[in-house]
Amino acid sequence: MSLALQIVLIAVSFFVLLFVLKKIRRSQLYIDDAIYWIVSAFLLLILSIFPQIAIFASELLEIQSPANFVFLFMIFMVLIKLFNLAIELSVQKHRINRLVQKLALMKDEEDHPKD
């Protein structure tokens, strides 16, 4: 892994950490979601400070270069987050449908009281 790439990865890691902390302070990001981004930034920082880890992993997985391993690893992390967000979205859709159904029943009862 080149020194320039290491420097860029370290800078990006710190930027992400600062950005996430700023969003937490302004109450624009839940702690649960922030933990994911902080861990991801920390892992990227570890990989950029200790390129031997990326070199070892790329050799183990027979990936051509450590930089490709880092990108593959980060894509994998984003896919995990995307899958979790899809699950959360499905749960929220289900809850919204149930809420709309309950509201419709309440409105129907209001419009047509049973006496």
Protein backbone atom coordinates (compact mmCIF):
# COMPACT_ATOMS: atom_id res chain seq x y z
CA MET A 1 0.00 0.00 0.00
CA SER A 2 1.46 3.33 -1.00
CA LEU A 3 2.21 6.07 1.49
CA ALA A 4 -0.15 8.45 -0.33
CA LEU A 5 -3.03 5.98 0.04
CA GLN A 6 -2.22 5.51 3.72
CA ILE A 7 -2.32 9.27 4.29
CA VAL A 8 -5.62 9.61 2.43
CA LEU A 9 -7.17 6.73 4.42
CA ILE A 10 -5.99 8.21 7.73
CA ALA A 11 -7.40 11.62 6.77
CA VAL A 12 -10.73 10.11 5.69
CA SER A 13 -10.94 8.13 8.93
CA PHE A 14 -10.43 11.23 11.04
CA PHE A 15 -12.88 13.21 8.91
CA VAL A 16 -15.56 10.55 9.34
CA LEU A 17 -14.97 10.42 13.11
CA LEU A 18 -15.22 14.19 13.44
CA PHE A 19 -18.30 14.32 11.20
CA VAL A 20 -20.08 11.60 13.19
CA LEU A 21 -19.24 13.24 16.51
CA LYS A 22 -20.55 16.57 15.18
CA LYS A 23 -23.82 14.93 14.11
CA ILE A 24 -24.19 13.26 17.52
CA ARG A 25 -23.67 16.57 19.33
CA ARG A 26 -26.36 18.20 17.18
CA SER A 27 -28.72 15.26 17.82
CA GLN A 28 -28.90 14.50 14.11
CA LEU A 29 -27.69 10.92 14.45
CA TYR A 30 -28.74 8.18 16.81
CA ILE A 31 -26.03 6.58 18.91
CA ASP A 32 -26.85 3.13 17.46
CA ASP A 33 -26.12 4.35 13.93
CA ALA A 34 -23.11 6.35 15.05
CA ILE A 35 -21.48 3.27 16.58
CA TYR A 36 -21.42 1.60 13.17
CA TRP A 37 -19.71 4.60 11.54
CA ILE A 38 -17.25 5.04 14.38
CA VAL A 39 -16.27 1.35 14.25
CA SER A 40 -15.93 1.53 10.44
CA ALA A 41 -13.73 4.61 10.64
CA PHE A 42 -11.66 3.00 13.39
CA LEU A 43 -11.18 -0.17 11.31
CA LEU A 44 -10.15 1.92 8.31
CA LEU A 45 -7.71 3.81 10.53
CA ILE A 46 -6.21 0.55 11.81
CA LEU A 47 -5.85 -0.78 8.24
CA SER A 48 -4.19 2.45 7.12
CA ILE A 49 -1.79 2.72 10.07
CA PHE A 50 -0.85 -0.97 9.97
CA PRO A 51 -0.77 -1.90 6.26
CA GLN A 52 0.71 -5.28 7.21
CA ILE A 53 -2.81 -6.38 8.12
CA ALA A 54 -4.08 -5.52 4.64
CA ILE A 55 -1.02 -7.13 3.04
CA PHE A 56 -1.52 -10.34 5.02
CA ALA A 57 -5.26 -10.46 4.31
CA SER A 58 -4.79 -9.77 0.60
CA GLU A 59 -2.22 -12.56 0.34
CA LEU A 60 -4.45 -14.91 2.34
CA LEU A 61 -7.47 -14.20 0.13
CA GLU A 62 -5.32 -14.06 -3.03
CA ILE A 63 -6.28 -10.48 -3.83
CA GLN A 64 -3.84 -8.69 -6.13
CA SER A 65 -3.04 -5.70 -3.95
CA PRO A 66 -3.64 -4.57 -0.37
CA ALA A 67 -5.43 -1.46 -1.67
CA ASN A 68 -7.97 -3.70 -3.39
CA PHE A 69 -8.47 -5.55 -0.11
CA VAL A 70 -9.12 -2.27 1.73
CA PHE A 71 -11.69 -1.21 -0.87
CA LEU A 72 -13.30 -4.65 -0.85
CA PHE A 73 -13.44 -4.60 2.95
CA MET A 74 -15.10 -1.17 3.01
CA ILE A 75 -17.60 -2.21 0.32
CA PHE A 76 -18.45 -5.24 2.45
CA MET A 77 -18.97 -3.00 5.50
CA VAL A 78 -21.28 -0.72 3.50
CA LEU A 79 -23.26 -3.72 2.23
CA ILE A 80 -23.77 -4.89 5.81
CA LYS A 81 -25.09 -1.43 6.73
CA LEU A 82 -27.32 -1.39 3.66
CA PHE A 83 -28.80 -4.76 4.59
CA ASN A 84 -29.48 -3.57 8.16
CA LEU A 85 -31.14 -0.43 6.81
CA ALA A 86 -33.32 -2.54 4.51
CA ILE A 87 -34.44 -4.59 7.51
CA GLU A 88 -35.22 -1.44 9.50
CA LEU A 89 -37.14 -0.02 6.55
CA SER A 90 -39.22 -3.18 6.22
CA VAL A 91 -40.07 -3.09 9.93
CA GLN A 92 -41.06 0.58 9.69
CA LYS A 93 -43.24 -0.07 6.63
CA HIS A 94 -45.03 -2.83 8.52
CA ARG A 95 -45.56 -0.58 11.53
CA ILE A 96 -46.89 2.24 9.34
CA ASN A 97 -49.34 -0.12 7.63
CA ARG A 98 -50.62 -1.33 11.02
CA LEU A 99 -50.95 2.24 12.23
CA VAL A 100 -52.88 3.30 9.12
CA GLN A 101 -55.20 0.32 9.52
CA LYS A 102 -55.85 1.17 13.18
CA LEU A 103 -56.53 4.80 12.29
CA ALA A 104 -58.94 3.75 9.54
CA LEU A 105 -60.82 1.51 11.99
CA MET A 106 -60.97 4.33 14.55
CA LYS A 107 -62.24 6.78 11.91
CA ASP A 108 -64.84 4.25 10.75
CA GLU A 109 -66.02 3.79 14.35
CA GLU A 110 -66.16 7.55 14.76
CA ASP A 111 -68.22 7.96 11.56
CA HIS A 112 -70.55 5.04 12.29
CA PRO A 113 -71.02 4.65 16.08
CA LYS A 114 -72.53 1.32 17.18
CA ASP A 115 -74.72 2.78 19.94
